[in-house]
């Protein structure tokens, strides 16, 4: 029984690097969509009020802060 355990343990050790590679995280899948006309107008107003621009390539960047803009309700 001890020899069998040693063989199984050695097999698991040999397979461990392959298992780690197989479980590597995949690149995120983009789920972007088109904004509605109301959303586009709200974004335009908020950007104008804060003097900000939309970041063209935000992937991987750190969020430094939030700007809160109160919009009129319908």
PDB file of N, CA and C in Angstrom:
ATOM      1  N   UNK A   1       0.813  -1.190   0.000  1.00  0.00           N
ATOM      2  CA  UNK A   1       0.000   0.000   0.000  1.00  0.00           C
ATOM      3  C   UNK A   1       0.864   1.264   0.000  1.00  0.00           C
ATOM      4  N   UNK A   2       1.998   1.243   0.709  1.00  0.00           N
ATOM      5  CA  UNK A   2       2.888   2.393   0.763  1.00  0.00           C
ATOM      6  C   UNK A   2       3.472   2.723  -0.595  1.00  0.00           C
ATOM      7  N   UNK A   3       3.799   1.688  -1.364  1.00  0.00           N
ATOM      8  CA  UNK A   3       4.367   1.905  -2.701  1.00  0.00           C
ATOM      9  C   UNK A   3       3.321   2.530  -3.625  1.00  0.00           C
ATOM     10  N   UNK A   4       2.089   2.070  -3.520  1.00  0.00           N
ATOM     11  CA  UNK A   4       1.016   2.625  -4.344  1.00  0.00           C
ATOM     12  C   UNK A   4       0.802   4.108  -4.024  1.00  0.00           C
ATOM     13  N   UNK A   5       0.825   4.456  -2.748  1.00  0.00           N
ATOM     14  CA  UNK A   5       0.699   5.865  -2.349  1.00  0.00           C
ATOM     15  C   UNK A   5       1.823   6.705  -2.945  1.00  0.00           C
ATOM     16  N   UNK A   6       3.044   6.162  -2.911  1.00  0.00           N
ATOM     17  CA  UNK A   6       4.192   6.891  -3.463  1.00  0.00           C
ATOM     18  C   UNK A   6       4.019   7.131  -4.952  1.00  0.00           C
ATOM     19  N   UNK A   7       3.520   6.125  -5.654  1.00  0.00           N
ATOM     20  CA  UNK A   7       3.324   6.252  -7.106  1.00  0.00           C
ATOM     21  C   UNK A   7       2.236   7.287  -7.397  1.00  0.00           C
ATOM     22  N   UNK A   8       1.133   7.222  -6.655  1.00  0.00           N
ATOM     23  CA  UNK A   8       0.047   8.179  -6.859  1.00  0.00           C
ATOM     24  C   UNK A   8       0.522   9.593  -6.532  1.00  0.00           C
ATOM     25  N   UNK A   9       1.254   9.741  -5.442  1.00  0.00           N
ATOM     26  CA  UNK A   9       1.770  11.050  -5.054  1.00  0.00           C
ATOM     27  C   UNK A   9       2.710  11.599  -6.123  1.00  0.00           C
ATOM     28  N   UNK A  10       3.593  10.758  -6.648  1.00  0.00           N
ATOM     29  CA  UNK A  10       4.523  11.192  -7.699  1.00  0.00           C
ATOM     30  C   UNK A  10       3.753  11.606  -8.952  1.00  0.00           C
ATOM     31  N   UNK A  11       2.705  10.880  -9.275  1.00  0.00           N
ATOM     32  CA  UNK A  11       1.881  11.225 -10.437  1.00  0.00           C
ATOM     33  C   UNK A  11       1.185  12.566 -10.261  1.00  0.00           C
ATOM     34  N   UNK A  12       0.679  12.812  -9.055  1.00  0.00           N
ATOM     35  CA  UNK A  12       0.033  14.094  -8.785  1.00  0.00           C
ATOM     36  C   UNK A  12       1.023  15.250  -8.862  1.00  0.00           C
ATOM     37  N   UNK A  13       2.227  15.033  -8.344  1.00  0.00           N
ATOM     38  CA  UNK A  13       3.251  16.076  -8.426  1.00  0.00           C
ATOM     39  C   UNK A  13       3.625  16.372  -9.875  1.00  0.00           C
ATOM     40  N   UNK A  14       3.707  15.330 -10.681  1.00  0.00           N
ATOM     41  CA  UNK A  14       4.062  15.519 -12.089  1.00  0.00           C
ATOM     42  C   UNK A  14       2.947  16.245 -12.839  1.00  0.00           C
ATOM     43  N   UNK A  15       1.693  16.002 -12.456  1.00  0.00           N
ATOM     44  CA  UNK A  15       0.561  16.612 -13.153  1.00  0.00           C
ATOM     45  C   UNK A  15       0.257  18.022 -12.662  1.00  0.00           C
ATOM     46  N   UNK A  16       0.739  18.394 -11.492  1.00  0.00           N
ATOM     47  CA  UNK A  16       0.401  19.689 -10.897  1.00  0.00           C
ATOM     48  C   UNK A  16       0.719  20.878 -11.805  1.00  0.00           C
ATOM     49  N   UNK A  17       1.898  20.955 -12.418  1.00  0.00           N
ATOM     50  CA  UNK A  17       2.165  22.104 -13.293  1.00  0.00           C
ATOM     51  C   UNK A  17       1.200  22.171 -14.475  1.00  0.00           C
ATOM     52  N   UNK A  18       0.826  21.014 -15.005  1.00  0.00           N
ATOM     53  CA  UNK A  18      -0.116  21.008 -16.127  1.00  0.00           C
ATOM     54  C   UNK A  18      -1.491  21.471 -15.673  1.00  0.00           C
ATOM     55  N   UNK A  19      -1.900  21.073 -14.484  1.00  0.00           N
ATOM     56  CA  UNK A  19      -3.192  21.506 -13.970  1.00  0.00           C
ATOM     57  C   UNK A  19      -3.204  23.013 -13.755  1.00  0.00           C
ATOM     58  N   UNK A  20      -2.104  23.553 -13.270  1.00  0.00           N
ATOM     59  CA  UNK A  20      -2.024  24.991 -13.033  1.00  0.00           C
ATOM     60  C   UNK A  20      -2.116  25.762 -14.345  1.00  0.00           C
ATOM     61  N   UNK A  21      -1.489  25.261 -15.390  1.00  0.00           N
ATOM     62  CA  UNK A  21      -1.542  25.917 -16.692  1.00  0.00           C
ATOM     63  C   UNK A  21      -2.942  25.819 -17.277  1.00  0.00           C
ATOM     64  N   UNK A  22      -3.582  24.675 -17.104  1.00  0.00           N
ATOM     65  CA  UNK A  22      -4.917  24.488 -17.652  1.00  0.00           C
ATOM     66  C   UNK A  22      -5.929  25.413 -16.986  1.00  0.00           C
ATOM     67  N   UNK A  23      -5.703  25.779 -15.740  1.00  0.00           N
ATOM     68  CA  UNK A  23      -6.636  26.618 -15.004  1.00  0.00           C
ATOM     69  C   UNK A  23      -6.296  28.104 -15.087  1.00  0.00           C
ATOM     70  N   UNK A  24      -5.357  28.481 -15.939  1.00  0.00           N
ATOM     71  CA  UNK A  24      -4.971  29.888 -16.052  1.00  0.00           C
ATOM     72  C   UNK A  24      -6.188  30.715 -16.468  1.00  0.00           C
ATOM     73  N   UNK A  25      -6.353  31.909 -15.915  1.00  0.00           N
ATOM     74  CA  UNK A  25      -7.525  32.722 -16.257  1.00  0.00           C
ATOM     75  C   UNK A  25      -7.506  33.131 -17.720  1.00  0.00           C
ATOM     76  N   UNK A  26      -8.672  33.173 -18.297  1.00  0.00           N
ATOM     77  CA  UNK A  26      -8.805  33.568 -19.697  1.00  0.00           C
ATOM     78  C   UNK A  26      -9.009  35.080 -19.774  1.00  0.00           C
ATOM     79  N   UNK A  27      -8.706  35.624 -20.916  1.00  0.00           N
ATOM     80  CA  UNK A  27      -8.907  37.062 -21.122  1.00  0.00           C
ATOM     81  C   UNK A  27     -10.391  37.379 -20.974  1.00  0.00           C
ATOM     82  N   UNK A  28     -10.735  38.527 -20.399  1.00  0.00           N
ATOM     83  CA  UNK A  28     -12.150  38.863 -20.227  1.00  0.00           C
ATOM     84  C   UNK A  28     -12.861  39.016 -21.565  1.00  0.00           C
ATOM     85  N   UNK A  29     -14.104  38.604 -21.581  1.00  0.00           N
ATOM     86  CA  UNK A  29     -14.907  38.702 -22.794  1.00  0.00           C
ATOM     87  C   UNK A  29     -15.678  40.018 -22.756  1.00  0.00           C
ATOM     88  N   UNK A  30     -15.604  40.768 -23.807  1.00  0.00           N
ATOM     89  CA  UNK A  30     -16.292  42.050 -23.863  1.00  0.00           C
ATOM     90  C   UNK A  30     -17.799  41.836 -23.970  1.00  0.00           C
ATOM     91  N   UNK A  31     -18.531  42.571 -23.176  1.00  0.00           N
ATOM     92  CA  UNK A  31     -19.987  42.486 -23.224  1.00  0.00           C
ATOM     93  C   UNK A  31     -20.578  43.878 -23.478  1.00  0.00           C
ATOM     94  N   UNK A  32     -19.863  44.652 -24.257  1.00  0.00           N
ATOM     95  CA  UNK A  32     -20.332  46.005 -24.533  1.00  0.00           C
ATOM     96  C   UNK A  32     -21.600  45.958 -25.372  1.00  0.00           C
ATOM     97  N   UNK A  33     -22.375  46.989 -25.246  1.00  0.00           N
ATOM     98  CA  UNK A  33     -23.613  47.097 -25.999  1.00  0.00           C
ATOM     99  C   UNK A  33     -23.812  48.554 -26.390  1.00  0.00           C
ATOM    100  N   UNK A  34     -24.778  48.774 -27.213  1.00  0.00           N
ATOM    101  CA  UNK A  34     -25.083  50.131 -27.650  1.00  0.00           C
ATOM    102  C   UNK A  34     -25.991  50.788 -26.609  1.00  0.00           C
ATOM    103  N   UNK A  35     -25.698  52.023 -26.246  1.00  0.00           N
ATOM    104  CA  UNK A  35     -26.528  52.750 -25.297  1.00  0.00           C
ATOM    105  C   UNK A  35     -27.775  53.299 -25.991  1.00  0.00           C
ATOM    106  N   UNK A  36     -28.842  53.439 -25.239  1.00  0.00           N
ATOM    107  CA  UNK A  36     -30.081  54.020 -25.771  1.00  0.00           C
ATOM    108  C   UNK A  36     -29.864  55.519 -25.988  1.00  0.00           C
ATOM    109  N   UNK A  37     -30.723  56.152 -26.776  1.00  0.00           N
ATOM    110  CA  UNK A  37     -30.588  57.605 -26.961  1.00  0.00           C
ATOM    111  C   UNK A  37     -30.642  58.371 -25.631  1.00  0.00           C
ATOM    112  N   UNK A  38     -31.496  57.946 -24.701  1.00  0.00           N
ATOM    113  CA  UNK A  38     -31.587  58.602 -23.387  1.00  0.00           C
ATOM    114  C   UNK A  38     -30.270  58.463 -22.629  1.00  0.00           C
ATOM    115  N   UNK A  39     -29.682  57.265 -22.648  1.00  0.00           N
ATOM    116  CA  UNK A  39     -28.407  57.044 -21.957  1.00  0.00           C
ATOM    117  C   UNK A  39     -27.296  57.887 -22.580  1.00  0.00           C
ATOM    118  N   UNK A  40     -27.261  57.942 -23.903  1.00  0.00           N
ATOM    119  CA  UNK A  40     -26.240  58.740 -24.592  1.00  0.00           C
ATOM    120  C   UNK A  40     -26.353  60.217 -24.212  1.00  0.00           C
ATOM    121  N   UNK A  41     -27.582  60.726 -24.168  1.00  0.00           N
ATOM    122  CA  UNK A  41     -27.791  62.127 -23.803  1.00  0.00           C
ATOM    123  C   UNK A  41     -27.395  62.371 -22.348  1.00  0.00           C
ATOM    124  N   UNK A  42     -27.727  61.439 -21.463  1.00  0.00           N
ATOM    125  CA  UNK A  42     -27.358  61.569 -20.047  1.00  0.00           C
ATOM    126  C   UNK A  42     -25.845  61.577 -19.882  1.00  0.00           C
ATOM    127  N   UNK A  43     -25.158  60.721 -20.611  1.00  0.00           N
ATOM    128  CA  UNK A  43     -23.694  60.670 -20.555  1.00  0.00           C
ATOM    129  C   UNK A  43     -23.106  61.980 -21.074  1.00  0.00           C
ATOM    130  N   UNK A  44     -23.667  62.480 -22.180  1.00  0.00           N
ATOM    131  CA  UNK A  44     -23.178  63.737 -22.759  1.00  0.00           C
ATOM    132  C   UNK A  44     -23.328  64.888 -21.762  1.00  0.00           C
ATOM    133  N   UNK A  45     -24.479  64.958 -21.106  1.00  0.00           N
ATOM    134  CA  UNK A  45     -24.730  66.023 -20.123  1.00  0.00           C
ATOM    135  C   UNK A  45     -23.756  65.907 -18.950  1.00  0.00           C
ATOM    136  N   UNK A  46     -23.593  64.702 -18.433  1.00  0.00           N
ATOM    137  CA  UNK A  46     -22.700  64.495 -17.283  1.00  0.00           C
ATOM    138  C   UNK A  46     -21.257  64.845 -17.634  1.00  0.00           C
ATOM    139  N   UNK A  47     -20.819  64.462 -18.817  1.00  0.00           N
ATOM    140  CA  UNK A  47     -19.451  64.786 -19.231  1.00  0.00           C
ATOM    141  C   UNK A  47     -19.272  66.298 -19.371  1.00  0.00           C
ATOM    142  N   UNK A  48     -20.278  66.970 -19.917  1.00  0.00           N
ATOM    143  CA  UNK A  48     -20.197  68.424 -20.079  1.00  0.00           C
ATOM    144  C   UNK A  48     -20.144  69.124 -18.719  1.00  0.00           C
ATOM    145  N   UNK A  49     -20.935  68.644 -17.760  1.00  0.00           N
ATOM    146  CA  UNK A  49     -20.970  69.270 -16.435  1.00  0.00           C
ATOM    147  C   UNK A  49     -19.676  69.056 -15.654  1.00  0.00           C
ATOM    148  N   UNK A  50     -19.015  67.934 -15.874  1.00  0.00           N
ATOM    149  CA  UNK A  50     -17.800  67.625 -15.109  1.00  0.00           C
ATOM    150  C   UNK A  50     -16.522  67.975 -15.857  1.00  0.00           C
ATOM    151  N   UNK A  51     -16.634  68.293 -17.144  1.00  0.00           N
ATOM    152  CA  UNK A  51     -15.439  68.587 -17.928  1.00  0.00           C
ATOM    153  C   UNK A  51     -14.595  67.350 -18.193  1.00  0.00           C
ATOM    154  N   UNK A  52     -15.222  66.207 -18.187  1.00  0.00           N
ATOM    155  CA  UNK A  52     -14.509  64.939 -18.404  1.00  0.00           C
ATOM    156  C   UNK A  52     -14.704  64.442 -19.823  1.00  0.00           C
ATOM    157  N   UNK A  53     -13.903  63.425 -20.175  1.00  0.00           N
ATOM    158  CA  UNK A  53     -14.018  62.750 -21.467  1.00  0.00           C
ATOM    159  C   UNK A  53     -14.118  61.253 -21.218  1.00  0.00           C
ATOM    160  N   UNK A  54     -14.705  60.539 -22.163  1.00  0.00           N
ATOM    161  CA  UNK A  54     -14.766  59.080 -22.060  1.00  0.00           C
ATOM    162  C   UNK A  54     -13.379  58.526 -22.353  1.00  0.00           C
ATOM    163  N   UNK A  55     -12.905  57.631 -21.505  1.00  0.00           N
ATOM    164  CA  UNK A  55     -11.600  56.988 -21.692  1.00  0.00           C
ATOM    165  C   UNK A  55     -11.729  55.994 -22.848  1.00  0.00           C
ATOM    166  N   UNK A  56     -10.947  56.174 -23.924  1.00  0.00           N
ATOM    167  CA  UNK A  56     -11.083  55.291 -25.086  1.00  0.00           C
ATOM    168  C   UNK A  56     -10.623  53.851 -24.838  1.00  0.00           C
ATOM    169  N   UNK A  57      -9.691  53.641 -23.933  1.00  0.00           N
ATOM    170  CA  UNK A  57      -9.221  52.271 -23.653  1.00  0.00           C
ATOM    171  C   UNK A  57      -9.043  52.093 -22.141  1.00  0.00           C
ATOM    172  N   UNK A  58     -10.130  51.854 -21.417  1.00  0.00           N
ATOM    173  CA  UNK A  58     -10.074  51.789 -19.957  1.00  0.00           C
ATOM    174  C   UNK A  58      -9.582  50.457 -19.399  1.00  0.00           C
ATOM    175  N   UNK A  59      -9.491  49.427 -20.217  1.00  0.00           N
ATOM    176  CA  UNK A  59      -9.138  48.081 -19.745  1.00  0.00           C
ATOM    177  C   UNK A  59      -7.841  48.078 -18.945  1.00  0.00           C
ATOM    178  N   UNK A  60      -7.908  47.575 -17.716  1.00  0.00           N
ATOM    179  CA  UNK A  60      -6.731  47.421 -16.874  1.00  0.00           C
ATOM    180  C   UNK A  60      -6.335  48.666 -16.085  1.00  0.00           C
ATOM    181  N   UNK A  61      -7.037  49.770 -16.280  1.00  0.00           N
ATOM    182  CA  UNK A  61      -6.691  51.003 -15.570  1.00  0.00           C
ATOM    183  C   UNK A  61      -7.403  51.061 -14.222  1.00  0.00           C
ATOM    184  N   UNK A  62      -6.809  51.793 -13.287  1.00  0.00           N
ATOM    185  CA  UNK A  62      -7.368  51.938 -11.949  1.00  0.00           C
ATOM    186  C   UNK A  62      -8.361  53.095 -11.916  1.00  0.00           C
ATOM    187  N   UNK A  63      -9.498  52.873 -11.259  1.00  0.00           N
ATOM    188  CA  UNK A  63     -10.476  53.945 -11.087  1.00  0.00           C
ATOM    189  C   UNK A  63      -9.978  54.843  -9.962  1.00  0.00           C
ATOM    190  N   UNK A  64      -9.781  56.108 -10.263  1.00  0.00           N
ATOM    191  CA  UNK A  64      -9.245  57.047  -9.277  1.00  0.00           C
ATOM    192  C   UNK A  64     -10.339  57.758  -8.499  1.00  0.00           C
ATOM    193  N   UNK A  65     -11.541  57.800  -9.023  1.00  0.00           N
ATOM    194  CA  UNK A  65     -12.616  58.491  -8.326  1.00  0.00           C
ATOM    195  C   UNK A  65     -13.917  58.397  -9.093  1.00  0.00           C
ATOM    196  N   UNK A  66     -14.975  58.899  -8.463  1.00  0.00           N
ATOM    197  CA  UNK A  66     -16.305  58.909  -9.062  1.00  0.00           C
ATOM    198  C   UNK A  66     -16.813  60.346  -9.086  1.00  0.00           C
ATOM    199  N   UNK A  67     -17.457  60.709 -10.167  1.00  0.00           N
ATOM    200  CA  UNK A  67     -18.151  61.991 -10.239  1.00  0.00           C
ATOM    201  C   UNK A  67     -19.649  61.684 -10.230  1.00  0.00           C
ATOM    202  N   UNK A  68     -20.381  62.311  -9.327  1.00  0.00           N
ATOM    203  CA  UNK A  68     -21.826  62.109  -9.245  1.00  0.00           C
ATOM    204  C   UNK A  68     -22.513  63.340  -9.804  1.00  0.00           C
ATOM    205  N   UNK A  69     -23.406  63.126 -10.758  1.00  0.00           N
ATOM    206  CA  UNK A  69     -24.127  64.221 -11.394  1.00  0.00           C
ATOM    207  C   UNK A  69     -25.621  63.940 -11.252  1.00  0.00           C
ATOM    208  N   UNK A  70     -26.351  64.872 -10.668  1.00  0.00           N
ATOM    209  CA  UNK A  70     -27.806  64.735 -10.542  1.00  0.00           C
ATOM    210  C   UNK A  70     -28.452  65.176 -11.847  1.00  0.00           C
ATOM    211  N   UNK A  71     -29.252  64.304 -12.421  1.00  0.00           N
ATOM    212  CA  UNK A  71     -29.951  64.616 -13.668  1.00  0.00           C
ATOM    213  C   UNK A  71     -31.431  64.824 -13.379  1.00  0.00           C
ATOM    214  N   UNK A  72     -32.078  65.646 -14.203  1.00  0.00           N
ATOM    215  CA  UNK A  72     -33.518  65.846 -14.063  1.00  0.00           C
ATOM    216  C   UNK A  72     -34.245  64.547 -14.388  1.00  0.00           C
ATOM    217  N   UNK A  73     -35.304  64.289 -13.641  1.00  0.00           N
ATOM    218  CA  UNK A  73     -36.138  63.117 -13.912  1.00  0.00           C
ATOM    219  C   UNK A  73     -37.115  63.500 -14.999  1.00  0.00           C
ATOM    220  N   UNK A  74     -37.435  62.577 -15.848  1.00  0.00           N
ATOM    221  CA  UNK A  74     -38.322  62.793 -16.999  1.00  0.00           C
ATOM    222  C   UNK A  74     -39.228  63.959 -16.765  1.00  0.00           C
TER     223      UNK A  74
END
